[in-house]
Amino acid sequence: AHSGWIRAMRFHARSGLVITAGDDGSVRAWALIAGERIVSLASAEGAHHDGICGLQLDVKSGTVFTAADDGSLKAWRLSDGQLKLVASIDEAHPAAVSQLQYDADSAMIYSCGADGAIRIWKYVDVSLEMVSEVVDAHAGGVLMITREAQSGTLLSIGVDGTVTAWTLVGEVLTPIASTDETAQIGLGRAMALQFDPYDNVVYSAGTDGAIKTWQLK
């Protein structure tokens, strides 16, 4: 499917559409047929100069968003058996982009990177425009972000070991709570982050083998 690691995948159950991206810098679209076989639909070979770790999909518009270790952010349109590049920002971050999140209702893309920043982009009329940023969201870099659709809460984990919760006020990303550095998530790298909006509980897990819970107040 890819030459090297597949670092990101998105799946839409209703349509059976699967999007993959990997260390080879390529993006590929697949169709799951009758839950039994996968058929290639389209590919963008060498979509990025470096490995792709950020991947999001807007099924309604057929748009795929990708971000890579080279700091770039791109939008692709899946149409007529092709993945066509429709928008690109070469230096969305000055260092590797760690992850992307996407809100289809507002057409907002959230990115984070090794530069320690979280940025928000608007995708309108096949163009990408930055609308907000937090330059020093985490010291040493942001490992991961996740967005809870119902509440709109964005969670981030930093290399510094802290977890921060953010809310979007207008177009400004504002912190609402954070663990302090003495209550770090663990000695290892964070690998998973989830939020339960009903009980306001944050769950984190990492390479140290620990699962931790945090009460958002």
N, C-alpha and C. Protein backbone atom coordinates (compact mmCIF):
# COMPACT_ATOMS: atom_id res chain seq x y z
N ALA A 1 0.82 -1.21 0.00
CA ALA A 1 0.00 0.00 0.00
C ALA A 1 0.87 1.27 0.00
N HIS A 2 1.91 1.26 0.82
CA HIS A 2 2.90 2.33 0.89
C HIS A 2 4.27 1.70 1.05
N SER A 3 5.31 2.40 0.59
CA SER A 3 6.67 1.94 0.82
C SER A 3 7.17 2.57 2.11
N GLY A 4 7.09 1.83 3.19
CA GLY A 4 7.44 2.35 4.51
C GLY A 4 6.21 2.41 5.40
N TRP A 5 6.38 3.04 6.54
CA TRP A 5 5.31 3.11 7.53
C TRP A 5 4.11 3.88 7.00
N ILE A 6 2.91 3.40 7.33
CA ILE A 6 1.68 4.17 7.16
C ILE A 6 1.45 4.87 8.49
N ARG A 7 1.51 6.19 8.48
CA ARG A 7 1.48 6.96 9.73
C ARG A 7 0.11 7.55 10.04
N ALA A 8 -0.79 7.55 9.08
CA ALA A 8 -2.12 8.12 9.32
C ALA A 8 -3.14 7.45 8.41
N MET A 9 -4.37 7.29 8.94
CA MET A 9 -5.45 6.69 8.15
C MET A 9 -6.77 7.28 8.60
N ARG A 10 -7.66 7.52 7.64
CA ARG A 10 -9.01 7.97 7.94
C ARG A 10 -10.00 7.07 7.20
N PHE A 11 -11.11 6.72 7.89
CA PHE A 11 -12.10 5.82 7.32
C PHE A 11 -13.48 6.39 7.53
N HIS A 12 -14.29 6.41 6.45
CA HIS A 12 -15.68 6.86 6.53
C HIS A 12 -16.57 5.65 6.33
N ALA A 13 -17.24 5.23 7.41
CA ALA A 13 -17.97 3.96 7.39
C ALA A 13 -19.11 3.94 6.37
N ARG A 14 -19.84 5.02 6.26
CA ARG A 14 -21.01 5.03 5.38
C ARG A 14 -20.64 4.87 3.90
N SER A 15 -19.56 5.54 3.49
CA SER A 15 -19.16 5.48 2.08
C SER A 15 -18.13 4.39 1.80
N GLY A 16 -17.49 3.88 2.87
CA GLY A 16 -16.43 2.89 2.68
C GLY A 16 -15.13 3.49 2.17
N LEU A 17 -15.01 4.82 2.24
CA LEU A 17 -13.80 5.50 1.77
C LEU A 17 -12.70 5.43 2.82
N VAL A 18 -11.50 5.05 2.38
CA VAL A 18 -10.33 4.98 3.25
C VAL A 18 -9.23 5.85 2.65
N ILE A 19 -8.61 6.69 3.47
CA ILE A 19 -7.48 7.51 3.05
C ILE A 19 -6.27 7.14 3.90
N THR A 20 -5.13 6.93 3.26
CA THR A 20 -3.91 6.60 3.99
C THR A 20 -2.78 7.54 3.59
N ALA A 21 -1.82 7.72 4.50
CA ALA A 21 -0.65 8.55 4.22
C ALA A 21 0.53 7.98 5.00
N GLY A 22 1.73 8.16 4.47
CA GLY A 22 2.85 7.49 5.13
C GLY A 22 4.18 8.18 5.02
N ASP A 23 5.20 7.46 5.46
CA ASP A 23 6.57 7.96 5.44
C ASP A 23 7.10 8.20 4.04
N ASP A 24 6.46 7.58 3.04
CA ASP A 24 6.90 7.77 1.65
C ASP A 24 6.42 9.10 1.07
N GLY A 25 5.67 9.89 1.87
CA GLY A 25 5.20 11.19 1.42
C GLY A 25 4.01 11.15 0.50
N SER A 26 3.40 9.96 0.35
CA SER A 26 2.28 9.79 -0.57
C SER A 26 0.95 9.71 0.17
N VAL A 27 -0.12 10.10 -0.55
CA VAL A 27 -1.49 9.98 -0.04
C VAL A 27 -2.25 9.07 -0.99
N ARG A 28 -3.04 8.15 -0.44
CA ARG A 28 -3.78 7.23 -1.29
C ARG A 28 -5.22 7.11 -0.80
N ALA A 29 -6.13 6.97 -1.76
CA ALA A 29 -7.55 6.78 -1.47
C ALA A 29 -7.96 5.37 -1.89
N TRP A 30 -8.77 4.73 -1.04
CA TRP A 30 -9.19 3.35 -1.27
C TRP A 30 -10.69 3.24 -1.03
N ALA A 31 -11.29 2.22 -1.62
CA ALA A 31 -12.71 1.92 -1.38
C ALA A 31 -12.82 0.54 -0.75
N LEU A 32 -13.55 0.47 0.36
CA LEU A 32 -13.83 -0.82 0.99
C LEU A 32 -15.11 -1.36 0.36
N ILE A 33 -14.99 -2.50 -0.32
CA ILE A 33 -16.11 -3.09 -1.05
C ILE A 33 -16.72 -4.24 -0.24
N ALA A 34 -17.98 -4.06 0.13
CA ALA A 34 -18.74 -5.11 0.84
C ALA A 34 -18.02 -5.60 2.09
N GLY A 35 -17.19 -4.76 2.67
CA GLY A 35 -16.48 -5.12 3.89
C GLY A 35 -15.48 -6.24 3.72
N GLU A 36 -15.15 -6.58 2.47
CA GLU A 36 -14.29 -7.74 2.25
C GLU A 36 -13.00 -7.43 1.49
N ARG A 37 -13.02 -6.46 0.59
CA ARG A 37 -11.81 -6.17 -0.18
C ARG A 37 -11.64 -4.67 -0.36
N ILE A 38 -10.39 -4.27 -0.51
CA ILE A 38 -10.05 -2.86 -0.66
C ILE A 38 -9.53 -2.62 -2.07
N VAL A 39 -10.09 -1.62 -2.73
CA VAL A 39 -9.74 -1.29 -4.10
C VAL A 39 -9.14 0.11 -4.15
N SER A 40 -8.05 0.27 -4.88
CA SER A 40 -7.41 1.57 -5.02
C SER A 40 -8.26 2.51 -5.86
N LEU A 41 -8.47 3.75 -5.37
CA LEU A 41 -9.25 4.75 -6.09
C LEU A 41 -8.36 5.82 -6.73
N ALA A 42 -7.40 6.31 -5.97
CA ALA A 42 -6.55 7.40 -6.44
C ALA A 42 -5.33 7.51 -5.55
N SER A 43 -4.29 8.18 -6.05
CA SER A 43 -3.10 8.41 -5.25
C SER A 43 -2.41 9.69 -5.67
N ALA A 44 -1.68 10.28 -4.73
CA ALA A 44 -0.83 11.43 -5.00
C ALA A 44 0.57 11.04 -4.55
N GLU A 45 1.36 10.58 -5.49
CA GLU A 45 2.71 10.13 -5.18
C GLU A 45 3.59 11.34 -4.86
N GLY A 46 4.40 11.22 -3.81
CA GLY A 46 5.26 12.33 -3.44
C GLY A 46 4.49 13.59 -3.12
N ALA A 47 3.34 13.42 -2.46
CA ALA A 47 2.50 14.58 -2.12
C ALA A 47 3.26 15.59 -1.27
N HIS A 48 4.13 15.08 -0.41
CA HIS A 48 5.00 15.91 0.42
C HIS A 48 6.44 15.41 0.26
N HIS A 49 7.39 16.31 0.54
CA HIS A 49 8.79 15.95 0.43
C HIS A 49 9.25 15.06 1.57
N ASP A 50 8.45 14.99 2.64
CA ASP A 50 8.81 14.22 3.82
C ASP A 50 7.60 13.41 4.27
N GLY A 51 7.78 12.63 5.35
CA GLY A 51 6.71 11.78 5.83
C GLY A 51 5.48 12.56 6.27
N ILE A 52 4.31 11.98 6.05
CA ILE A 52 3.03 12.62 6.40
C ILE A 52 2.51 12.03 7.71
N CYS A 53 2.23 12.91 8.67
CA CYS A 53 1.69 12.44 9.95
C CYS A 53 0.32 13.03 10.25
N GLY A 54 -0.03 14.12 9.59
CA GLY A 54 -1.34 14.74 9.80
C GLY A 54 -2.27 14.44 8.63
N LEU A 55 -3.48 13.95 8.92
CA LEU A 55 -4.41 13.57 7.86
C LEU A 55 -5.84 13.75 8.35
N GLN A 56 -6.64 14.48 7.56
CA GLN A 56 -8.06 14.65 7.87
C GLN A 56 -8.86 14.58 6.58
N LEU A 57 -10.15 14.25 6.71
CA LEU A 57 -11.01 14.03 5.56
C LEU A 57 -12.34 14.73 5.75
N ASP A 58 -12.76 15.50 4.75
CA ASP A 58 -14.11 16.06 4.69
C ASP A 58 -14.85 15.33 3.58
N VAL A 59 -15.70 14.39 3.96
CA VAL A 59 -16.36 13.51 3.00
C VAL A 59 -17.32 14.29 2.09
N LYS A 60 -18.02 15.27 2.65
CA LYS A 60 -19.02 16.00 1.87
C LYS A 60 -18.41 16.69 0.65
N SER A 61 -17.26 17.30 0.84
CA SER A 61 -16.63 18.02 -0.27
C SER A 61 -15.58 17.18 -0.99
N GLY A 62 -15.28 16.00 -0.45
CA GLY A 62 -14.25 15.16 -1.03
C GLY A 62 -12.85 15.74 -0.87
N THR A 63 -12.66 16.52 0.22
CA THR A 63 -11.37 17.18 0.46
C THR A 63 -10.56 16.41 1.49
N VAL A 64 -9.29 16.24 1.18
CA VAL A 64 -8.33 15.58 2.07
C VAL A 64 -7.29 16.61 2.50
N PHE A 65 -7.02 16.70 3.79
CA PHE A 65 -6.01 17.61 4.31
C PHE A 65 -4.82 16.81 4.81
N THR A 66 -3.62 17.24 4.46
CA THR A 66 -2.41 16.52 4.87
C THR A 66 -1.39 17.51 5.42
N ALA A 67 -0.56 17.03 6.35
CA ALA A 67 0.54 17.83 6.90
C ALA A 67 1.71 16.89 7.15
N ALA A 68 2.93 17.43 7.05
CA ALA A 68 4.09 16.56 7.01
C ALA A 68 5.24 17.05 7.89
N ASP A 69 6.25 16.21 7.93
CA ASP A 69 7.46 16.52 8.71
C ASP A 69 8.20 17.73 8.15
N ASP A 70 7.94 18.10 6.90
CA ASP A 70 8.59 19.28 6.32
C ASP A 70 7.87 20.58 6.69
N GLY A 71 6.82 20.48 7.52
CA GLY A 71 6.10 21.66 7.99
C GLY A 71 5.00 22.15 7.07
N SER A 72 4.76 21.46 5.97
CA SER A 72 3.76 21.92 5.00
C SER A 72 2.37 21.40 5.33
N LEU A 73 1.37 22.14 4.83
CA LEU A 73 -0.05 21.80 4.96
C LEU A 73 -0.67 21.89 3.58
N LYS A 74 -1.43 20.84 3.17
CA LYS A 74 -1.99 20.82 1.84
C LYS A 74 -3.44 20.32 1.85
N ALA A 75 -4.19 20.76 0.85
CA ALA A 75 -5.57 20.30 0.66
C ALA A 75 -5.67 19.67 -0.72
N TRP A 76 -6.36 18.53 -0.78
CA TRP A 76 -6.51 17.76 -2.01
C TRP A 76 -7.98 17.51 -2.27
N ARG A 77 -8.38 17.47 -3.53
CA ARG A 77 -9.75 17.16 -3.90
C ARG A 77 -9.79 15.80 -4.58
N LEU A 78 -10.59 14.90 -4.04
CA LEU A 78 -10.76 13.58 -4.64
C LEU A 78 -11.86 13.68 -5.69
N SER A 79 -11.46 13.56 -6.96
CA SER A 79 -12.41 13.74 -8.05
C SER A 79 -11.94 13.00 -9.29
N ASP A 80 -12.87 12.32 -9.95
CA ASP A 80 -12.59 11.64 -11.22
C ASP A 80 -11.38 10.71 -11.12
N GLY A 81 -11.30 9.99 -10.02
CA GLY A 81 -10.23 9.01 -9.86
C GLY A 81 -8.87 9.63 -9.62
N GLN A 82 -8.83 10.89 -9.18
CA GLN A 82 -7.57 11.56 -8.92
C GLN A 82 -7.62 12.33 -7.61
N LEU A 83 -6.45 12.47 -6.98
CA LEU A 83 -6.29 13.37 -5.86
C LEU A 83 -5.57 14.61 -6.39
N LYS A 84 -6.32 15.72 -6.52
CA LYS A 84 -5.77 16.92 -7.11
C LYS A 84 -5.44 17.95 -6.04
N LEU A 85 -4.25 18.50 -6.09
CA LEU A 85 -3.84 19.53 -5.14
C LEU A 85 -4.62 20.81 -5.42
N VAL A 86 -5.28 21.34 -4.37
CA VAL A 86 -6.09 22.56 -4.55
C VAL A 86 -5.59 23.72 -3.70
N ALA A 87 -4.84 23.44 -2.64
CA ALA A 87 -4.30 24.51 -1.80
C ALA A 87 -3.07 23.99 -1.07
N SER A 88 -2.11 24.89 -0.81
CA SER A 88 -0.86 24.47 -0.19
C SER A 88 -0.21 25.62 0.56
N ILE A 89 0.33 25.33 1.74
CA ILE A 89 1.14 26.27 2.50
C ILE A 89 2.44 25.55 2.84
N ASP A 90 3.55 26.03 2.30
CA ASP A 90 4.82 25.33 2.44
C ASP A 90 5.36 25.35 3.86
N GLU A 91 5.15 26.45 4.59
CA GLU A 91 5.66 26.57 5.95
C GLU A 91 4.52 26.88 6.92
N ALA A 92 3.59 25.93 7.02
CA ALA A 92 2.51 26.08 8.00
C ALA A 92 3.09 26.11 9.41
N HIS A 93 4.14 25.34 9.61
CA HIS A 93 4.95 25.36 10.83
C HIS A 93 6.41 25.34 10.40
N PRO A 94 7.31 25.99 11.16
CA PRO A 94 8.73 25.96 10.80
C PRO A 94 9.42 24.64 11.12
N ALA A 95 8.69 23.73 11.75
CA ALA A 95 9.22 22.39 12.06
C ALA A 95 8.13 21.38 11.72
N ALA A 96 8.37 20.11 12.03
CA ALA A 96 7.43 19.05 11.68
C ALA A 96 6.05 19.31 12.28
N VAL A 97 5.01 19.03 11.48
CA VAL A 97 3.63 19.09 11.97
C VAL A 97 3.30 17.74 12.61
N SER A 98 2.85 17.79 13.85
CA SER A 98 2.59 16.56 14.59
C SER A 98 1.24 15.95 14.28
N GLN A 99 0.21 16.82 14.12
CA GLN A 99 -1.15 16.28 13.95
C GLN A 99 -2.08 17.36 13.41
N LEU A 100 -3.18 16.91 12.81
CA LEU A 100 -4.25 17.79 12.36
C LEU A 100 -5.58 17.36 12.98
N GLN A 101 -6.46 18.35 13.19
CA GLN A 101 -7.85 18.10 13.53
C GLN A 101 -8.69 18.98 12.61
N TYR A 102 -9.91 18.53 12.32
CA TYR A 102 -10.76 19.26 11.38
C TYR A 102 -12.18 19.35 11.90
N ASP A 103 -12.76 20.54 11.81
CA ASP A 103 -14.16 20.77 12.15
C ASP A 103 -14.90 21.13 10.87
N ALA A 104 -15.71 20.19 10.37
CA ALA A 104 -16.40 20.39 9.09
C ALA A 104 -17.42 21.51 9.14
N ASP A 105 -18.05 21.73 10.31
CA ASP A 105 -19.09 22.76 10.42
C ASP A 105 -18.52 24.16 10.19
N SER A 106 -17.33 24.41 10.70
CA SER A 106 -16.72 25.73 10.57
C SER A 106 -15.64 25.78 9.50
N ALA A 107 -15.32 24.61 8.92
CA ALA A 107 -14.23 24.49 7.94
C ALA A 107 -12.89 24.95 8.54
N MET A 108 -12.73 24.69 9.84
CA MET A 108 -11.50 25.04 10.55
C MET A 108 -10.59 23.83 10.67
N ILE A 109 -9.30 24.05 10.40
CA ILE A 109 -8.28 23.02 10.55
C ILE A 109 -7.37 23.43 11.69
N TYR A 110 -7.12 22.52 12.61
CA TYR A 110 -6.22 22.77 13.74
C TYR A 110 -4.93 21.99 13.49
N SER A 111 -3.79 22.66 13.63
CA SER A 111 -2.51 21.98 13.45
C SER A 111 -1.62 22.23 14.65
N CYS A 112 -0.73 21.30 14.92
CA CYS A 112 0.25 21.48 15.99
C CYS A 112 1.59 20.94 15.51
N GLY A 113 2.67 21.41 16.15
CA GLY A 113 3.96 20.99 15.64
C GLY A 113 5.08 20.98 16.65
N ALA A 114 6.24 20.58 16.17
CA ALA A 114 7.44 20.50 16.99
C ALA A 114 7.95 21.88 17.39
N ASP A 115 7.41 22.93 16.78
CA ASP A 115 7.77 24.30 17.15
C ASP A 115 7.06 24.78 18.40
N GLY A 116 6.14 23.95 18.96
CA GLY A 116 5.42 24.30 20.17
C GLY A 116 4.15 25.08 19.93
N ALA A 117 3.80 25.31 18.66
CA ALA A 117 2.63 26.14 18.33
C ALA A 117 1.41 25.30 17.98
N ILE A 118 0.24 25.89 18.21
CA ILE A 118 -1.03 25.40 17.70
C ILE A 118 -1.59 26.49 16.79
N ARG A 119 -1.98 26.12 15.58
CA ARG A 119 -2.49 27.10 14.63
C ARG A 119 -3.86 26.65 14.12
N ILE A 120 -4.70 27.64 13.78
CA ILE A 120 -6.02 27.38 13.23
C ILE A 120 -6.07 27.97 11.83
N TRP A 121 -6.57 27.16 10.89
CA TRP A 121 -6.63 27.56 9.49
C TRP A 121 -8.08 27.48 9.01
N LYS A 122 -8.43 28.37 8.12
CA LYS A 122 -9.77 28.36 7.51
C LYS A 122 -9.62 27.90 6.07
N TYR A 123 -10.45 26.92 5.69
CA TYR A 123 -10.45 26.44 4.31
C TYR A 123 -11.70 26.97 3.62
N VAL A 124 -11.49 27.95 2.74
CA VAL A 124 -12.60 28.60 2.04
C VAL A 124 -12.19 28.83 0.59
N ASP A 125 -13.09 28.49 -0.33
CA ASP A 125 -12.86 28.75 -1.76
C ASP A 125 -11.50 28.20 -2.20
N VAL A 126 -11.27 26.95 -1.86
CA VAL A 126 -10.03 26.22 -2.17
C VAL A 126 -8.78 27.02 -1.82
N SER A 127 -8.81 27.69 -0.66
CA SER A 127 -7.62 28.37 -0.15
C SER A 127 -7.51 28.12 1.35
N LEU A 128 -6.29 28.14 1.86
CA LEU A 128 -6.01 27.95 3.27
C LEU A 128 -5.49 29.26 3.85
N GLU A 129 -6.13 29.74 4.91
CA GLU A 129 -5.71 30.98 5.54
C GLU A 129 -5.62 30.78 7.05
N MET A 130 -4.51 31.23 7.66
CA MET A 130 -4.39 31.13 9.11
C MET A 130 -5.23 32.21 9.76
N VAL A 131 -6.05 31.82 10.75
CA VAL A 131 -6.92 32.78 11.42
C VAL A 131 -6.51 33.02 12.87
N SER A 132 -5.75 32.09 13.44
CA SER A 132 -5.35 32.24 14.84
C SER A 132 -4.16 31.33 15.14
N GLU A 133 -3.39 31.69 16.16
CA GLU A 133 -2.28 30.83 16.58
C GLU A 133 -1.93 31.07 18.04
N VAL A 134 -1.42 30.05 18.66
CA VAL A 134 -0.80 30.16 19.99
C VAL A 134 0.64 29.73 19.78
N VAL A 135 1.56 30.68 19.83
CA VAL A 135 2.94 30.41 19.45
C VAL A 135 3.63 29.47 20.42
N ASP A 136 3.44 29.68 21.73
CA ASP A 136 4.11 28.86 22.74
C ASP A 136 3.09 28.03 23.51
N ALA A 137 2.35 27.21 22.81
CA ALA A 137 1.33 26.39 23.47
C ALA A 137 1.96 25.41 24.45
N HIS A 138 3.11 24.82 24.06
CA HIS A 138 3.86 23.91 24.92
C HIS A 138 5.35 24.09 24.66
N ALA A 139 6.11 24.13 25.73
CA ALA A 139 7.57 24.24 25.59
C ALA A 139 8.14 22.95 25.02
N GLY A 140 8.96 23.08 23.99
CA GLY A 140 9.62 21.91 23.42
C GLY A 140 8.86 21.24 22.31
N GLY A 141 7.60 21.64 22.08
CA GLY A 141 6.82 21.06 20.99
C GLY A 141 5.50 20.48 21.46
N VAL A 142 4.54 20.41 20.53
CA VAL A 142 3.24 19.81 20.80
C VAL A 142 3.21 18.43 20.17
N LEU A 143 2.96 17.41 20.98
CA LEU A 143 2.94 16.03 20.49
C LEU A 143 1.63 15.67 19.82
N MET A 144 0.53 16.18 20.38
CA MET A 144 -0.77 15.68 19.95
C MET A 144 -1.88 16.67 20.30
N ILE A 145 -2.89 16.75 19.43
CA ILE A 145 -4.11 17.48 19.75
C ILE A 145 -5.30 16.61 19.40
N THR A 146 -6.40 16.81 20.11
CA THR A 146 -7.65 16.14 19.78
C THR A 146 -8.78 17.10 20.08
N ARG A 147 -9.80 17.09 19.25
CA ARG A 147 -10.91 18.01 19.41
C ARG A 147 -12.20 17.24 19.63
N GLU A 148 -12.96 17.64 20.66
CA GLU A 148 -14.24 17.02 20.95
C GLU A 148 -15.32 17.85 20.29
N ALA A 149 -16.05 17.24 19.35
CA ALA A 149 -16.95 18.00 18.49
C ALA A 149 -18.11 18.63 19.25
N GLN A 150 -18.68 17.92 20.22
CA GLN A 150 -19.88 18.41 20.90
C GLN A 150 -19.61 19.70 21.67
N SER A 151 -18.54 19.72 22.45
CA SER A 151 -18.22 20.88 23.28
C SER A 151 -17.30 21.86 22.58
N GLY A 152 -16.59 21.39 21.54
CA GLY A 152 -15.61 22.22 20.86
C GLY A 152 -14.29 22.33 21.61
N THR A 153 -14.15 21.57 22.69
CA THR A 153 -12.91 21.62 23.48
C THR A 153 -11.76 20.98 22.72
N LEU A 154 -10.64 21.67 22.68
CA LEU A 154 -9.41 21.14 22.08
C LEU A 154 -8.45 20.79 23.19
N LEU A 155 -7.89 19.58 23.13
CA LEU A 155 -6.90 19.15 24.11
C LEU A 155 -5.55 19.01 23.44
N SER A 156 -4.50 19.35 24.16
CA SER A 156 -3.15 19.20 23.62
C SER A 156 -2.23 18.59 24.68
N ILE A 157 -1.25 17.84 24.19
CA ILE A 157 -0.20 17.29 25.05
C ILE A 157 1.13 17.78 24.51
N GLY A 158 1.99 18.24 25.42
CA GLY A 158 3.28 18.76 25.00
C GLY A 158 4.43 17.84 25.36
N VAL A 159 5.57 18.11 24.73
CA VAL A 159 6.81 17.42 25.09
C VAL A 159 7.15 17.69 26.55
N ASP A 160 6.69 18.83 27.06
CA ASP A 160 6.93 19.18 28.47
C ASP A 160 6.11 18.32 29.43
N GLY A 161 5.24 17.45 28.89
CA GLY A 161 4.48 16.53 29.73
C GLY A 161 3.18 17.08 30.24
N THR A 162 2.79 18.28 29.86
CA THR A 162 1.55 18.88 30.34
C THR A 162 0.39 18.65 29.36
N VAL A 163 -0.81 18.62 29.91
CA VAL A 163 -2.04 18.55 29.12
C VAL A 163 -2.77 19.88 29.29
N THR A 164 -3.20 20.48 28.18
CA THR A 164 -3.91 21.75 28.23
C THR A 164 -5.23 21.63 27.47
N ALA A 165 -6.29 22.21 28.05
CA ALA A 165 -7.59 22.27 27.39
C ALA A 165 -7.79 23.69 26.89
N TRP A 166 -8.33 23.80 25.64
CA TRP A 166 -8.51 25.10 24.99
C TRP A 166 -9.95 25.22 24.49
N THR A 167 -10.40 26.47 24.38
CA THR A 167 -11.68 26.73 23.74
C THR A 167 -11.50 27.87 22.74
N LEU A 168 -12.30 27.85 21.70
CA LEU A 168 -12.21 28.87 20.67
C LEU A 168 -13.23 29.96 20.95
N VAL A 169 -12.74 31.15 21.25
CA VAL A 169 -13.60 32.31 21.51
C VAL A 169 -13.48 33.23 20.30
N GLY A 170 -14.52 33.24 19.47
CA GLY A 170 -14.40 33.93 18.19
C GLY A 170 -13.39 33.18 17.33
N GLU A 171 -12.27 33.82 17.05
CA GLU A 171 -11.20 33.16 16.32
C GLU A 171 -9.93 33.07 17.17
N VAL A 172 -10.09 33.22 18.50
CA VAL A 172 -8.94 33.20 19.41
C VAL A 172 -8.99 31.92 20.25
N LEU A 173 -7.90 31.15 20.19
CA LEU A 173 -7.81 29.92 20.98
C LEU A 173 -7.34 30.29 22.39
N THR A 174 -8.19 29.97 23.38
CA THR A 174 -7.95 30.41 24.75
C THR A 174 -7.82 29.21 25.68
N PRO A 175 -6.76 29.16 26.52
CA PRO A 175 -6.63 28.04 27.47
C PRO A 175 -7.67 28.15 28.58
N ILE A 176 -8.26 27.01 28.95
CA ILE A 176 -9.24 27.02 30.03
C ILE A 176 -8.78 26.20 31.22
N ALA A 177 -7.81 25.29 31.02
CA ALA A 177 -7.28 24.49 32.12
C ALA A 177 -6.00 23.82 31.66
N SER A 178 -5.12 23.52 32.62
CA SER A 178 -3.86 22.86 32.29
C SER A 178 -3.32 22.13 33.50
N THR A 179 -2.72 20.96 33.27
CA THR A 179 -1.99 20.31 34.35
C THR A 179 -0.67 21.05 34.54
N ASP A 180 -0.19 21.11 35.77
CA ASP A 180 1.09 21.78 35.93
C ASP A 180 2.22 20.78 35.73
N GLU A 181 3.45 21.29 35.62
CA GLU A 181 4.58 20.45 35.22
C GLU A 181 4.94 19.40 36.26
N THR A 182 4.43 19.56 37.49
CA THR A 182 4.71 18.55 38.52
C THR A 182 3.75 17.37 38.40
N ALA A 183 2.72 17.51 37.55
CA ALA A 183 1.74 16.42 37.36
C ALA A 183 1.78 15.97 35.91
N GLN A 184 2.98 15.71 35.41
CA GLN A 184 3.15 15.35 34.02
C GLN A 184 2.49 14.03 33.69
N ILE A 185 2.23 13.82 32.41
CA ILE A 185 1.49 12.63 31.99
C ILE A 185 2.30 11.35 32.16
N GLY A 186 3.58 11.47 32.34
CA GLY A 186 4.40 10.26 32.50
C GLY A 186 5.78 10.48 31.93
N LEU A 187 6.62 9.47 32.05
CA LEU A 187 7.99 9.59 31.60
C LEU A 187 8.14 9.30 30.12
N GLY A 188 7.13 8.71 29.51
CA GLY A 188 7.22 8.34 28.10
C GLY A 188 6.52 9.33 27.20
N ARG A 189 6.52 9.02 25.92
CA ARG A 189 5.87 9.87 24.91
C ARG A 189 4.37 9.59 24.89
N ALA A 190 3.58 10.65 24.80
CA ALA A 190 2.12 10.49 24.72
C ALA A 190 1.74 9.89 23.37
N MET A 191 0.84 8.93 23.40
CA MET A 191 0.42 8.26 22.18
C MET A 191 -1.08 8.34 21.94
N ALA A 192 -1.86 8.66 22.97
CA ALA A 192 -3.32 8.70 22.82
C ALA A 192 -3.90 9.70 23.80
N LEU A 193 -4.97 10.37 23.35
CA LEU A 193 -5.62 11.40 24.15
C LEU A 193 -7.10 11.43 23.79
N GLN A 194 -7.97 11.33 24.80
CA GLN A 194 -9.41 11.34 24.57
C GLN A 194 -10.09 12.18 25.65
N PHE A 195 -11.28 12.71 25.28
CA PHE A 195 -12.04 13.54 26.21
C PHE A 195 -13.47 13.05 26.29
N ASP A 196 -13.96 12.89 27.52
CA ASP A 196 -15.36 12.53 27.77
C ASP A 196 -16.10 13.81 28.15
N PRO A 197 -16.92 14.36 27.23
CA PRO A 197 -17.57 15.65 27.51
C PRO A 197 -18.68 15.55 28.55
N TYR A 198 -19.20 14.36 28.79
CA TYR A 198 -20.29 14.21 29.74
C TYR A 198 -19.81 14.31 31.19
N ASP A 199 -18.65 13.72 31.46
CA ASP A 199 -18.08 13.77 32.81
C ASP A 199 -16.90 14.72 32.92
N ASN A 200 -16.55 15.39 31.80
CA ASN A 200 -15.40 16.31 31.77
C ASN A 200 -14.11 15.63 32.23
N VAL A 201 -13.87 14.44 31.70
CA VAL A 201 -12.68 13.68 32.06
C VAL A 201 -11.78 13.52 30.85
N VAL A 202 -10.50 13.76 31.04
CA VAL A 202 -9.49 13.59 30.00
C VAL A 202 -8.73 12.30 30.28
N TYR A 203 -8.53 11.49 29.23
CA TYR A 203 -7.76 10.25 29.34
C TYR A 203 -6.50 10.38 28.49
N SER A 204 -5.36 10.00 29.06
CA SER A 204 -4.10 10.03 28.31
C SER A 204 -3.37 8.71 28.50
N ALA A 205 -2.60 8.34 27.50
CA ALA A 205 -1.80 7.11 27.56
C ALA A 205 -0.53 7.31 26.75
N GLY A 206 0.52 6.57 27.12
CA GLY A 206 1.79 6.79 26.43
C GLY A 206 2.72 5.61 26.47
N THR A 207 3.95 5.86 26.04
CA THR A 207 4.94 4.79 25.93
C THR A 207 5.47 4.33 27.28
N ASP A 208 5.10 5.03 28.35
CA ASP A 208 5.49 4.57 29.69
C ASP A 208 4.58 3.46 30.20
N GLY A 209 3.55 3.10 29.40
CA GLY A 209 2.64 2.02 29.79
C GLY A 209 1.52 2.46 30.71
N ALA A 210 1.44 3.74 31.02
CA ALA A 210 0.44 4.23 31.97
C ALA A 210 -0.77 4.83 31.26
N ILE A 211 -1.94 4.66 31.89
CA ILE A 211 -3.16 5.37 31.49
C ILE A 211 -3.53 6.29 32.63
N LYS A 212 -3.75 7.56 32.32
CA LYS A 212 -4.06 8.53 33.37
C LYS A 212 -5.37 9.24 33.05
N THR A 213 -6.08 9.64 34.08
CA THR A 213 -7.33 10.39 33.92
C THR A 213 -7.19 11.73 34.61
N TRP A 214 -7.81 12.74 34.00
CA TRP A 214 -7.75 14.10 34.53
C TRP A 214 -9.17 14.66 34.55
N GLN A 215 -9.53 15.32 35.66
CA GLN A 215 -10.84 15.96 35.75
C GLN A 215 -10.72 17.40 35.26
N LEU A 216 -11.47 17.73 34.22
CA LEU A 216 -11.47 19.09 33.71
C LEU A 216 -12.48 19.91 34.50
N LYS A 217 -11.98 20.94 35.20
CA LYS A 217 -12.86 21.76 36.05
C LYS A 217 -12.80 23.21 35.58
